[in-house]
Amino acid sequence: MPKITFIQHDGATFVVDARLGQSLMEAAVQNNVPGIDADCGGACACGTCQVHVQAPWQEALTLPGATETEMLSFTSDPQPSSRLACQITLDERHEGLVVRVPTHQH
């Protein structure tokens, strides 16, 4: 079970235990992490599970696909570090992963 840290825009942190094979979005929703709205339930159709993944963690993730990249272009203030949590499947490489939750998801 990887431990994942979500840092809110105000600095508050939420550390959750995630299951291997679940998405980062599922881990956030199941643990009531504020700011991860997940309006589409993980279908990569809304952009409301955006997170910012800082180096060196970006190297532990697969590259975003075309659908994710397109959806990110519709999000509020996308950054080079932006990812959709629904598109990140957790495995043992993600133990200790730290992501930042943006101020707004819409």
PDB file of N, CA and C in Angstrom:
ATOM      1  N   MET A   1       0.834  -1.177   0.000  1.00  0.00           N
ATOM      2  CA  MET A   1       0.000   0.000   0.000  1.00  0.00           C
ATOM      3  C   MET A   1       0.879   1.241   0.000  1.00  0.00           C
ATOM      4  N   PRO A   2       0.955   1.924  -1.125  1.00  0.00           N
ATOM      5  CA  PRO A   2       1.759   3.146  -1.127  1.00  0.00           C
ATOM      6  C   PRO A   2       1.102   4.262  -0.326  1.00  0.00           C
ATOM      7  N   LYS A   3       1.928   4.996   0.384  1.00  0.00           N
ATOM      8  CA  LYS A   3       1.463   6.201   1.079  1.00  0.00           C
ATOM      9  C   LYS A   3       1.606   7.359   0.101  1.00  0.00           C
ATOM     10  N   ILE A   4       0.526   8.120  -0.063  1.00  0.00           N
ATOM     11  CA  ILE A   4       0.490   9.247  -0.977  1.00  0.00           C
ATOM     12  C   ILE A   4       0.181  10.504  -0.173  1.00  0.00           C
ATOM     13  N   THR A   5       0.891  11.586  -0.463  1.00  0.00           N
ATOM     14  CA  THR A   5       0.652  12.857   0.210  1.00  0.00           C
ATOM     15  C   THR A   5       0.042  13.840  -0.784  1.00  0.00           C
ATOM     16  N   PHE A   6      -1.102  14.396  -0.412  1.00  0.00           N
ATOM     17  CA  PHE A   6      -1.771  15.445  -1.178  1.00  0.00           C
ATOM     18  C   PHE A   6      -1.561  16.741  -0.406  1.00  0.00           C
ATOM     19  N   ILE A   7      -0.982  17.743  -1.059  1.00  0.00           N
ATOM     20  CA  ILE A   7      -0.769  19.044  -0.434  1.00  0.00           C
ATOM     21  C   ILE A   7      -1.771  20.018  -1.046  1.00  0.00           C
ATOM     22  N   GLN A   8      -2.576  20.609  -0.182  1.00  0.00           N
ATOM     23  CA  GLN A   8      -3.580  21.579  -0.621  1.00  0.00           C
ATOM     24  C   GLN A   8      -2.924  22.929  -0.928  1.00  0.00           C
ATOM     25  N   HIS A   9      -3.633  23.782  -1.651  1.00  0.00           N
ATOM     26  CA  HIS A   9      -3.100  25.100  -2.009  1.00  0.00           C
ATOM     27  C   HIS A   9      -2.763  25.941  -0.787  1.00  0.00           C
ATOM     28  N   ASP A  10      -3.391  25.655   0.362  1.00  0.00           N
ATOM     29  CA  ASP A  10      -3.108  26.412   1.588  1.00  0.00           C
ATOM     30  C   ASP A  10      -2.033  25.750   2.454  1.00  0.00           C
ATOM     31  N   GLY A  11      -1.440  24.659   1.946  1.00  0.00           N
ATOM     32  CA  GLY A  11      -0.375  23.968   2.671  1.00  0.00           C
ATOM     33  C   GLY A  11      -0.825  22.797   3.518  1.00  0.00           C
ATOM     34  N   ALA A  12      -2.139  22.648   3.721  1.00  0.00           N
ATOM     35  CA  ALA A  12      -2.641  21.494   4.485  1.00  0.00           C
ATOM     36  C   ALA A  12      -2.275  20.211   3.740  1.00  0.00           C
ATOM     37  N   THR A  13      -1.907  19.181   4.503  1.00  0.00           N
ATOM     38  CA  THR A  13      -1.526  17.921   3.866  1.00  0.00           C
ATOM     39  C   THR A  13      -2.454  16.794   4.303  1.00  0.00           C
ATOM     40  N   PHE A  14      -2.665  15.879   3.383  1.00  0.00           N
ATOM     41  CA  PHE A  14      -3.458  14.682   3.624  1.00  0.00           C
ATOM     42  C   PHE A  14      -2.625  13.505   3.147  1.00  0.00           C
ATOM     43  N   VAL A  15      -2.284  12.613   4.060  1.00  0.00           N
ATOM     44  CA  VAL A  15      -1.527  11.417   3.723  1.00  0.00           C
ATOM     45  C   VAL A  15      -2.497  10.250   3.731  1.00  0.00           C
ATOM     46  N   VAL A  16      -2.535   9.518   2.626  1.00  0.00           N
ATOM     47  CA  VAL A  16      -3.480   8.407   2.506  1.00  0.00           C
ATOM     48  C   VAL A  16      -2.740   7.126   2.142  1.00  0.00           C
ATOM     49  N   ASP A  17      -3.315   6.010   2.537  1.00  0.00           N
ATOM     50  CA  ASP A  17      -2.839   4.703   2.108  1.00  0.00           C
ATOM     51  C   ASP A  17      -3.643   4.318   0.889  1.00  0.00           C
ATOM     52  N   ALA A  18      -2.959   4.059  -0.209  1.00  0.00           N
ATOM     53  CA  ALA A  18      -3.616   3.692  -1.463  1.00  0.00           C
ATOM     54  C   ALA A  18      -3.405   2.207  -1.735  1.00  0.00           C
ATOM     55  N   ARG A  19      -4.294   1.647  -2.517  1.00  0.00           N
ATOM     56  CA  ARG A  19      -4.141   0.250  -2.931  1.00  0.00           C
ATOM     57  C   ARG A  19      -3.389   0.187  -4.252  1.00  0.00           C
ATOM     58  N   LEU A  20      -2.554  -0.804  -4.398  1.00  0.00           N
ATOM     59  CA  LEU A  20      -1.882  -1.028  -5.677  1.00  0.00           C
ATOM     60  C   LEU A  20      -2.941  -1.283  -6.747  1.00  0.00           C
ATOM     61  N   GLY A  21      -2.768  -0.656  -7.901  1.00  0.00           N
ATOM     62  CA  GLY A  21      -3.679  -0.863  -9.014  1.00  0.00           C
ATOM     63  C   GLY A  21      -4.835   0.113  -9.083  1.00  0.00           C
ATOM     64  N   GLN A  22      -5.062   0.872  -8.022  1.00  0.00           N
ATOM     65  CA  GLN A  22      -6.134   1.859  -8.083  1.00  0.00           C
ATOM     66  C   GLN A  22      -5.561   3.162  -8.635  1.00  0.00           C
ATOM     67  N   SER A  23      -6.449   4.037  -9.086  1.00  0.00           N
ATOM     68  CA  SER A  23      -5.979   5.316  -9.597  1.00  0.00           C
ATOM     69  C   SER A  23      -5.727   6.270  -8.432  1.00  0.00           C
ATOM     70  N   LEU A  24      -4.910   7.258  -8.695  1.00  0.00           N
ATOM     71  CA  LEU A  24      -4.648   8.296  -7.708  1.00  0.00           C
ATOM     72  C   LEU A  24      -5.952   8.998  -7.336  1.00  0.00           C
ATOM     73  N   MET A  25      -6.832   9.202  -8.306  1.00  0.00           N
ATOM     74  CA  MET A  25      -8.128   9.821  -8.046  1.00  0.00           C
ATOM     75  C   MET A  25      -8.965   8.970  -7.108  1.00  0.00           C
ATOM     76  N   GLU A  26      -8.996   7.659  -7.330  1.00  0.00           N
ATOM     77  CA  GLU A  26      -9.762   6.772  -6.449  1.00  0.00           C
ATOM     78  C   GLU A  26      -9.235   6.837  -5.020  1.00  0.00           C
ATOM     79  N   ALA A  27      -7.915   6.855  -4.882  1.00  0.00           N
ATOM     80  CA  ALA A  27      -7.319   6.944  -3.539  1.00  0.00           C
ATOM     81  C   ALA A  27      -7.743   8.240  -2.857  1.00  0.00           C
ATOM     82  N   ALA A  28      -7.763   9.338  -3.608  1.00  0.00           N
ATOM     83  CA  ALA A  28      -8.162  10.629  -3.039  1.00  0.00           C
ATOM     84  C   ALA A  28      -9.634  10.632  -2.651  1.00  0.00           C
ATOM     85  N   VAL A  29     -10.487  10.161  -3.526  1.00  0.00           N
ATOM     86  CA  VAL A  29     -11.938  10.174  -3.265  1.00  0.00           C
ATOM     87  C   VAL A  29     -12.278   9.259  -2.091  1.00  0.00           C
ATOM     88  N   GLN A  30     -11.702   8.061  -2.058  1.00  0.00           N
ATOM     89  CA  GLN A  30     -11.998   7.114  -0.983  1.00  0.00           C
ATOM     90  C   GLN A  30     -11.520   7.612   0.378  1.00  0.00           C
ATOM     91  N   ASN A  31     -10.564   8.540   0.357  1.00  0.00           N
ATOM     92  CA  ASN A  31     -10.031   9.076   1.612  1.00  0.00           C
ATOM     93  C   ASN A  31     -10.464  10.525   1.853  1.00  0.00           C
ATOM     94  N   ASN A  32     -11.480  10.968   1.101  1.00  0.00           N
ATOM     95  CA  ASN A  32     -12.072  12.300   1.294  1.00  0.00           C
ATOM     96  C   ASN A  32     -11.056  13.435   1.227  1.00  0.00           C
ATOM     97  N   VAL A  33     -10.142  13.368   0.263  1.00  0.00           N
ATOM     98  CA  VAL A  33      -9.176  14.444   0.081  1.00  0.00           C
ATOM     99  C   VAL A  33      -9.892  15.636  -0.553  1.00  0.00           C
ATOM    100  N   PRO A  34      -9.899  16.783   0.116  1.00  0.00           N
ATOM    101  CA  PRO A  34     -10.557  17.962  -0.447  1.00  0.00           C
ATOM    102  C   PRO A  34      -9.891  18.410  -1.740  1.00  0.00           C
ATOM    103  N   GLY A  35     -10.701  18.933  -2.653  1.00  0.00           N
ATOM    104  CA  GLY A  35     -10.176  19.503  -3.886  1.00  0.00           C
ATOM    105  C   GLY A  35     -10.097  18.542  -5.042  1.00  0.00           C
ATOM    106  N   ILE A  36     -10.295  17.267  -4.803  1.00  0.00           N
ATOM    107  CA  ILE A  36     -10.345  16.290  -5.887  1.00  0.00           C
ATOM    108  C   ILE A  36     -11.825  15.987  -6.105  1.00  0.00           C
ATOM    109  N   ASP A  37     -12.429  16.714  -7.052  1.00  0.00           N
ATOM    110  CA  ASP A  37     -13.871  16.611  -7.264  1.00  0.00           C
ATOM    111  C   ASP A  37     -14.271  15.342  -8.006  1.00  0.00           C
ATOM    112  N   ALA A  38     -13.507  14.960  -9.028  1.00  0.00           N
ATOM    113  CA  ALA A  38     -13.756  13.721  -9.787  1.00  0.00           C
ATOM    114  C   ALA A  38     -15.187  13.633 -10.295  1.00  0.00           C
ATOM    115  N   ASP A  39     -15.663  14.713 -10.892  1.00  0.00           N
ATOM    116  CA  ASP A  39     -17.047  14.783 -11.355  1.00  0.00           C
ATOM    117  C   ASP A  39     -17.426  13.674 -12.342  1.00  0.00           C
ATOM    118  N   CYS A  40     -16.485  13.242 -13.186  1.00  0.00           N
ATOM    119  CA  CYS A  40     -16.813  12.220 -14.188  1.00  0.00           C
ATOM    120  C   CYS A  40     -16.540  10.802 -13.694  1.00  0.00           C
ATOM    121  N   GLY A  41     -16.093  10.665 -12.460  1.00  0.00           N
ATOM    122  CA  GLY A  41     -15.859   9.341 -11.896  1.00  0.00           C
ATOM    123  C   GLY A  41     -14.651   8.618 -12.446  1.00  0.00           C
ATOM    124  N   GLY A  42     -13.766   9.324 -13.101  1.00  0.00           N
ATOM    125  CA  GLY A  42     -12.537   8.695 -13.594  1.00  0.00           C
ATOM    126  C   GLY A  42     -12.536   8.393 -15.075  1.00  0.00           C
ATOM    127  N   ALA A  43     -13.444   8.985 -15.827  1.00  0.00           N
ATOM    128  CA  ALA A  43     -13.545   8.713 -17.267  1.00  0.00           C
ATOM    129  C   ALA A  43     -12.675   9.635 -18.115  1.00  0.00           C
ATOM    130  N   CYS A  44     -11.868  10.458 -17.493  1.00  0.00           N
ATOM    131  CA  CYS A  44     -11.007  11.414 -18.202  1.00  0.00           C
ATOM    132  C   CYS A  44     -11.851  12.341 -19.080  1.00  0.00           C
ATOM    133  N   ALA A  45     -12.971  12.792 -18.503  1.00  0.00           N
ATOM    134  CA  ALA A  45     -13.902  13.606 -19.276  1.00  0.00           C
ATOM    135  C   ALA A  45     -14.231  14.939 -18.619  1.00  0.00           C
ATOM    136  N   CYS A  46     -13.552  15.302 -17.518  1.00  0.00           N
ATOM    137  CA  CYS A  46     -13.944  16.550 -16.868  1.00  0.00           C
ATOM    138  C   CYS A  46     -12.768  17.388 -16.369  1.00  0.00           C
ATOM    139  N   GLY A  47     -11.661  16.814 -16.017  1.00  0.00           N
ATOM    140  CA  GLY A  47     -10.522  17.582 -15.531  1.00  0.00           C
ATOM    141  C   GLY A  47     -10.610  18.017 -14.081  1.00  0.00           C
ATOM    142  N   THR A  48     -11.578  17.510 -13.315  1.00  0.00           N
ATOM    143  CA  THR A  48     -11.739  17.963 -11.931  1.00  0.00           C
ATOM    144  C   THR A  48     -10.960  17.125 -10.922  1.00  0.00           C
ATOM    145  N   CYS A  49      -9.970  16.396 -11.414  1.00  0.00           N
ATOM    146  CA  CYS A  49      -9.074  15.662 -10.510  1.00  0.00           C
ATOM    147  C   CYS A  49      -7.626  16.049 -10.794  1.00  0.00           C
ATOM    148  N   GLN A  50      -7.445  17.264 -11.322  1.00  0.00           N
ATOM    149  CA  GLN A  50      -6.109  17.735 -11.656  1.00  0.00           C
ATOM    150  C   GLN A  50      -5.229  17.807 -10.405  1.00  0.00           C
ATOM    151  N   VAL A  51      -3.997  17.371 -10.566  1.00  0.00           N
ATOM    152  CA  VAL A  51      -2.972  17.518  -9.539  1.00  0.00           C
ATOM    153  C   VAL A  51      -1.704  18.009 -10.223  1.00  0.00           C
ATOM    154  N   HIS A  52      -0.791  18.533  -9.419  1.00  0.00           N
ATOM    155  CA  HIS A  52       0.519  18.944  -9.926  1.00  0.00           C
ATOM    156  C   HIS A  52       1.545  17.986  -9.351  1.00  0.00           C
ATOM    157  N   VAL A  53       2.273  17.332 -10.243  1.00  0.00           N
ATOM    158  CA  VAL A  53       3.285  16.351  -9.854  1.00  0.00           C
ATOM    159  C   VAL A  53       4.652  16.981 -10.073  1.00  0.00           C
ATOM    160  N   GLN A  54       5.389  17.135  -9.001  1.00  0.00           N
ATOM    161  CA  GLN A  54       6.696  17.766  -9.083  1.00  0.00           C
ATOM    162  C   GLN A  54       7.782  16.724  -9.320  1.00  0.00           C
ATOM    163  N   ALA A  55       8.906  17.185  -9.884  1.00  0.00           N
ATOM    164  CA  ALA A  55      10.073  16.319 -10.013  1.00  0.00           C
ATOM    165  C   ALA A  55      10.511  15.969  -8.589  1.00  0.00           C
ATOM    166  N   PRO A  56      11.030  14.818  -8.339  1.00  0.00           N
ATOM    167  CA  PRO A  56      11.400  13.755  -9.261  1.00  0.00           C
ATOM    168  C   PRO A  56      10.262  12.773  -9.542  1.00  0.00           C
ATOM    169  N   TRP A  57       9.075  13.019  -9.004  1.00  0.00           N
ATOM    170  CA  TRP A  57       7.976  12.072  -9.151  1.00  0.00           C
ATOM    171  C   TRP A  57       7.469  11.950 -10.581  1.00  0.00           C
ATOM    172  N   GLN A  58       7.669  12.965 -11.408  1.00  0.00           N
ATOM    173  CA  GLN A  58       7.204  12.897 -12.789  1.00  0.00           C
ATOM    174  C   GLN A  58       7.818  11.705 -13.516  1.00  0.00           C
ATOM    175  N   GLU A  59       9.062  11.376 -13.168  1.00  0.00           N
ATOM    176  CA  GLU A  59       9.736  10.252 -13.821  1.00  0.00           C
ATOM    177  C   GLU A  59       9.138   8.899 -13.440  1.00  0.00           C
ATOM    178  N   ALA A  60       8.428   8.834 -12.332  1.00  0.00           N
ATOM    179  CA  ALA A  60       7.822   7.576 -11.888  1.00  0.00           C
ATOM    180  C   ALA A  60       6.459   7.338 -12.539  1.00  0.00           C
ATOM    181  N   LEU A  61       5.999   8.275 -13.355  1.00  0.00           N
ATOM    182  CA  LEU A  61       4.680   8.163 -13.983  1.00  0.00           C
ATOM    183  C   LEU A  61       4.813   7.914 -15.480  1.00  0.00           C
ATOM    184  N   THR A  62       3.818   7.247 -16.023  1.00  0.00           N
ATOM    185  CA  THR A  62       3.773   7.124 -17.473  1.00  0.00           C
ATOM    186  C   THR A  62       3.436   8.498 -18.051  1.00  0.00           C
ATOM    187  N   LEU A  63       3.787   8.721 -19.287  1.00  0.00           N
ATOM    188  CA  LEU A  63       3.472   9.997 -19.929  1.00  0.00           C
ATOM    189  C   LEU A  63       1.971  10.112 -20.150  1.00  0.00           C
ATOM    190  N   PRO A  64       1.429  11.334 -20.092  1.00  0.00           N
ATOM    191  CA  PRO A  64      -0.003  11.486 -20.338  1.00  0.00           C
ATOM    192  C   PRO A  64      -0.341  11.146 -21.786  1.00  0.00           C
ATOM    193  N   GLY A  65      -1.499  10.529 -21.970  1.00  0.00           N
ATOM    194  CA  GLY A  65      -1.968  10.211 -23.312  1.00  0.00           C
ATOM    195  C   GLY A  65      -2.618  11.425 -23.951  1.00  0.00           C
ATOM    196  N   ALA A  66      -3.023  11.269 -25.203  1.00  0.00           N
ATOM    197  CA  ALA A  66      -3.615  12.370 -25.965  1.00  0.00           C
ATOM    198  C   ALA A  66      -4.903  12.873 -25.322  1.00  0.00           C
ATOM    199  N   THR A  67      -5.747  11.973 -24.827  1.00  0.00           N
ATOM    200  CA  THR A  67      -7.011  12.390 -24.215  1.00  0.00           C
ATOM    201  C   THR A  67      -6.757  13.188 -22.952  1.00  0.00           C
ATOM    202  N   GLU A  68      -5.831  12.720 -22.120  1.00  0.00           N
ATOM    203  CA  GLU A  68      -5.504  13.450 -20.893  1.00  0.00           C
ATOM    204  C   GLU A  68      -4.921  14.821 -21.216  1.00  0.00           C
ATOM    205  N   THR A  69      -4.013  14.868 -22.171  1.00  0.00           N
ATOM    206  CA  THR A  69      -3.396  16.139 -22.558  1.00  0.00           C
ATOM    207  C   THR A  69      -4.452  17.129 -23.044  1.00  0.00           C
ATOM    208  N   GLU A  70      -5.384  16.654 -23.846  1.00  0.00           N
ATOM    209  CA  GLU A  70      -6.457  17.525 -24.338  1.00  0.00           C
ATOM    210  C   GLU A  70      -7.337  18.011 -23.191  1.00  0.00           C
ATOM    211  N   MET A  71      -7.713  17.103 -22.289  1.00  0.00           N
ATOM    212  CA  MET A  71      -8.569  17.484 -21.162  1.00  0.00           C
ATOM    213  C   MET A  71      -7.859  18.488 -20.260  1.00  0.00           C
ATOM    214  N   LEU A  72      -6.567  18.334 -20.063  1.00  0.00           N
ATOM    215  CA  LEU A  72      -5.813  19.279 -19.235  1.00  0.00           C
ATOM    216  C   LEU A  72      -5.840  20.684 -19.825  1.00  0.00           C
ATOM    217  N   SER A  73      -5.935  20.796 -21.144  1.00  0.00           N
ATOM    218  CA  SER A  73      -5.961  22.116 -21.771  1.00  0.00           C
ATOM    219  C   SER A  73      -7.221  22.889 -21.411  1.00  0.00           C
ATOM    220  N   PHE A  74      -8.248  22.203 -20.930  1.00  0.00           N
ATOM    221  CA  PHE A  74      -9.498  22.850 -20.533  1.00  0.00           C
ATOM    222  C   PHE A  74      -9.547  23.165 -19.036  1.00  0.00           C
ATOM    223  N   THR A  75      -8.540  22.746 -18.294  1.00  0.00           N
ATOM    224  CA  THR A  75      -8.554  22.959 -16.844  1.00  0.00           C
ATOM    225  C   THR A  75      -8.132  24.381 -16.501  1.00  0.00           C
ATOM    226  N   SER A  76      -8.417  24.742 -15.279  1.00  0.00           N
ATOM    227  CA  SER A  76      -8.035  26.042 -14.748  1.00  0.00           C
ATOM    228  C   SER A  76      -6.525  26.076 -14.551  1.00  0.00           C
ATOM    229  N   ASP A  77      -5.852  27.006 -15.200  1.00  0.00           N
ATOM    230  CA  ASP A  77      -4.427  27.237 -15.009  1.00  0.00           C
ATOM    231  C   ASP A  77      -3.568  25.971 -15.114  1.00  0.00           C
ATOM    232  N   PRO A  78      -3.610  25.281 -16.278  1.00  0.00           N
ATOM    233  CA  PRO A  78      -2.760  24.086 -16.417  1.00  0.00           C
ATOM    234  C   PRO A  78      -1.274  24.460 -16.374  1.00  0.00           C
ATOM    235  N   GLN A  79      -0.497  23.585 -15.776  1.00  0.00           N
ATOM    236  CA  GLN A  79       0.943  23.770 -15.633  1.00  0.00           C
ATOM    237  C   GLN A  79       1.661  22.598 -16.308  1.00  0.00           C
ATOM    238  N   PRO A  80       2.954  22.743 -16.590  1.00  0.00           N
ATOM    239  CA  PRO A  80       3.696  21.599 -17.137  1.00  0.00           C
ATOM    240  C   PRO A  80       3.652  20.378 -16.212  1.00  0.00           C
ATOM    241  N   SER A  81       3.450  20.619 -14.914  1.00  0.00           N
ATOM    242  CA  SER A  81       3.396  19.524 -13.941  1.00  0.00           C
ATOM    243  C   SER A  81       1.982  18.964 -13.747  1.00  0.00           C
ATOM    244  N   SER A  82       1.000  19.488 -14.489  1.00  0.00           N
ATOM    245  CA  SER A  82      -0.393  19.052 -14.325  1.00  0.00           C
ATOM    246  C   SER A  82      -0.608  17.637 -14.853  1.00  0.00           C
ATOM    247  N   ARG A  83      -1.371  16.883 -14.092  1.00  0.00           N
ATOM    248  CA  ARG A  83      -1.825  15.556 -14.505  1.00  0.00           C
ATOM    249  C   ARG A  83      -3.245  15.369 -13.992  1.00  0.00           C
ATOM    250  N   LEU A  84      -3.971  14.451 -14.610  1.00  0.00           N
ATOM    251  CA  LEU A  84      -5.284  14.062 -14.105  1.00  0.00           C
ATOM    252  C   LEU A  84      -5.085  12.833 -13.243  1.00  0.00           C
ATOM    253  N   ALA A  85      -5.515  12.927 -11.985  1.00  0.00           N
ATOM    254  CA  ALA A  85      -5.306  11.834 -11.033  1.00  0.00           C
ATOM    255  C   ALA A  85      -5.991  10.551 -11.478  1.00  0.00           C
ATOM    256  N   CYS A  86      -7.048  10.658 -12.275  1.00  0.00           N
ATOM    257  CA  CYS A  86      -7.741   9.453 -12.746  1.00  0.00           C
ATOM    258  C   CYS A  86      -6.908   8.660 -13.743  1.00  0.00           C
ATOM    259  N   GLN A  87      -5.877   9.268 -14.290  1.00  0.00           N
ATOM    260  CA  GLN A  87      -5.050   8.612 -15.298  1.00  0.00           C
ATOM    261  C   GLN A  87      -3.736   8.075 -14.737  1.00  0.00           C
ATOM    262  N   ILE A  88      -3.569   8.160 -13.437  1.00  0.00           N
ATOM    263  CA  ILE A  88      -2.355   7.654 -12.790  1.00  0.00           C
ATOM    264  C   ILE A  88      -2.715   6.405 -12.004  1.00  0.00           C
ATOM    265  N   THR A  89      -2.258   5.260 -12.489  1.00  0.00           N
ATOM    266  CA  THR A  89      -2.489   3.987 -11.810  1.00  0.00           C
ATOM    267  C   THR A  89      -1.316   3.733 -10.876  1.00  0.00           C
ATOM    268  N   LEU A  90      -1.638   3.514  -9.619  1.00  0.00           N
ATOM    269  CA  LEU A  90      -0.604   3.397  -8.596  1.00  0.00           C
ATOM    270  C   LEU A  90       0.018   2.009  -8.543  1.00  0.00           C
ATOM    271  N   ASP A  91       1.330   1.995  -8.392  1.00  0.00           N
ATOM    272  CA  ASP A  91       2.061   0.747  -8.183  1.00  0.00           C
ATOM    273  C   ASP A  91       3.152   0.994  -7.146  1.00  0.00           C
ATOM    274  N   GLU A  92       3.983   0.007  -6.921  1.00  0.00           N
ATOM    275  CA  GLU A  92       4.972   0.103  -5.848  1.00  0.00           C
ATOM    276  C   GLU A  92       5.969   1.245  -6.057  1.00  0.00           C
ATOM    277  N   ARG A  93       6.164   1.709  -7.287  1.00  0.00           N
ATOM    278  CA  ARG A  93       7.068   2.840  -7.534  1.00  0.00           C
ATOM    279  C   ARG A  93       6.546   4.141  -6.938  1.00  0.00           C
ATOM    280  N   HIS A  94       5.272   4.187  -6.592  1.00  0.00           N
ATOM    281  CA  HIS A  94       4.652   5.422  -6.121  1.00  0.00           C
ATOM    282  C   HIS A  94       4.637   5.572  -4.599  1.00  0.00           C
ATOM    283  N   GLU A  95       5.308   4.679  -3.887  1.00  0.00           N
ATOM    284  CA  GLU A  95       5.419   4.821  -2.433  1.00  0.00           C
ATOM    285  C   GLU A  95       6.036   6.178  -2.112  1.00  0.00           C
ATOM    286  N   GLY A  96       5.315   6.990  -1.330  1.00  0.00           N
ATOM    287  CA  GLY A  96       5.804   8.309  -0.952  1.00  0.00           C
ATOM    288  C   GLY A  96       5.485   9.423  -1.939  1.00  0.00           C
ATOM    289  N   LEU A  97       4.717   9.121  -2.985  1.00  0.00           N
ATOM    290  CA  LEU A  97       4.348  10.124  -3.991  1.00  0.00           C
ATOM    291  C   LEU A  97       3.738  11.352  -3.323  1.00  0.00           C
ATOM    292  N   VAL A  98       4.166  12.522  -3.769  1.00  0.00           N
ATOM    293  CA  VAL A  98       3.645  13.791  -3.262  1.00  0.00           C
ATOM    294  C   VAL A  98       3.082  14.563  -4.450  1.00  0.00           C
ATOM    295  N   VAL A  99       1.820  14.993  -4.329  1.00  0.00           N
ATOM    296  CA  VAL A  99       1.189  15.808  -5.364  1.00  0.00           C
ATOM    297  C   VAL A  99       0.560  17.040  -4.720  1.00  0.00           C
ATOM    298  N   ARG A 100       0.418  18.071  -5.496  1.00  0.00           N
ATOM    299  CA  ARG A 100      -0.233  19.302  -5.034  1.00  0.00           C
ATOM    300  C   ARG A 100      -1.593  19.421  -5.698  1.00  0.00           C
ATOM    301  N   VAL A 101      -2.565  19.858  -4.915  1.00  0.00           N
ATOM    302  CA  VAL A 101      -3.939  20.051  -5.402  1.00  0.00           C
ATOM    303  C   VAL A 101      -4.081  21.538  -5.747  1.00  0.00           C
ATOM    304  N   PRO A 102      -4.527  21.865  -6.977  1.00  0.00           N
ATOM    305  CA  PRO A 102      -4.658  23.280  -7.331  1.00  0.00           C
ATOM    306  C   PRO A 102      -5.748  23.985  -6.549  1.00  0.00           C
ATOM    307  N   THR A 103      -5.724  25.293  -6.602  1.00  0.00           N
ATOM    308  CA  THR A 103      -6.712  26.101  -5.895  1.00  0.00           C
ATOM    309  C   THR A 103      -8.119  25.829  -6.394  1.00  0.00           C
ATOM    310  N   HIS A 104      -8.288  25.683  -7.715  1.00  0.00           N
ATOM    311  CA  HIS A 104      -9.592  25.454  -8.326  1.00  0.00           C
ATOM    312  C   HIS A 104      -9.504  24.270  -9.289  1.00  0.00           C
ATOM    313  N   GLN A 105     -10.601  23.579  -9.456  1.00  0.00           N
ATOM    314  CA  GLN A 105     -10.646  22.447 -10.380  1.00  0.00           C
ATOM    315  C   GLN A 105     -11.467  22.743 -11.638  1.00  0.00           C
ATOM    316  N   HIS A 106     -12.026  23.919 -11.758  1.00  0.00           N
ATOM    317  CA  HIS A 106     -12.895  24.170 -12.919  1.00  0.00           C
ATOM    318  C   HIS A 106     -12.332  25.248 -13.800  1.00  0.00           C
TER     319      HIS A 106
END
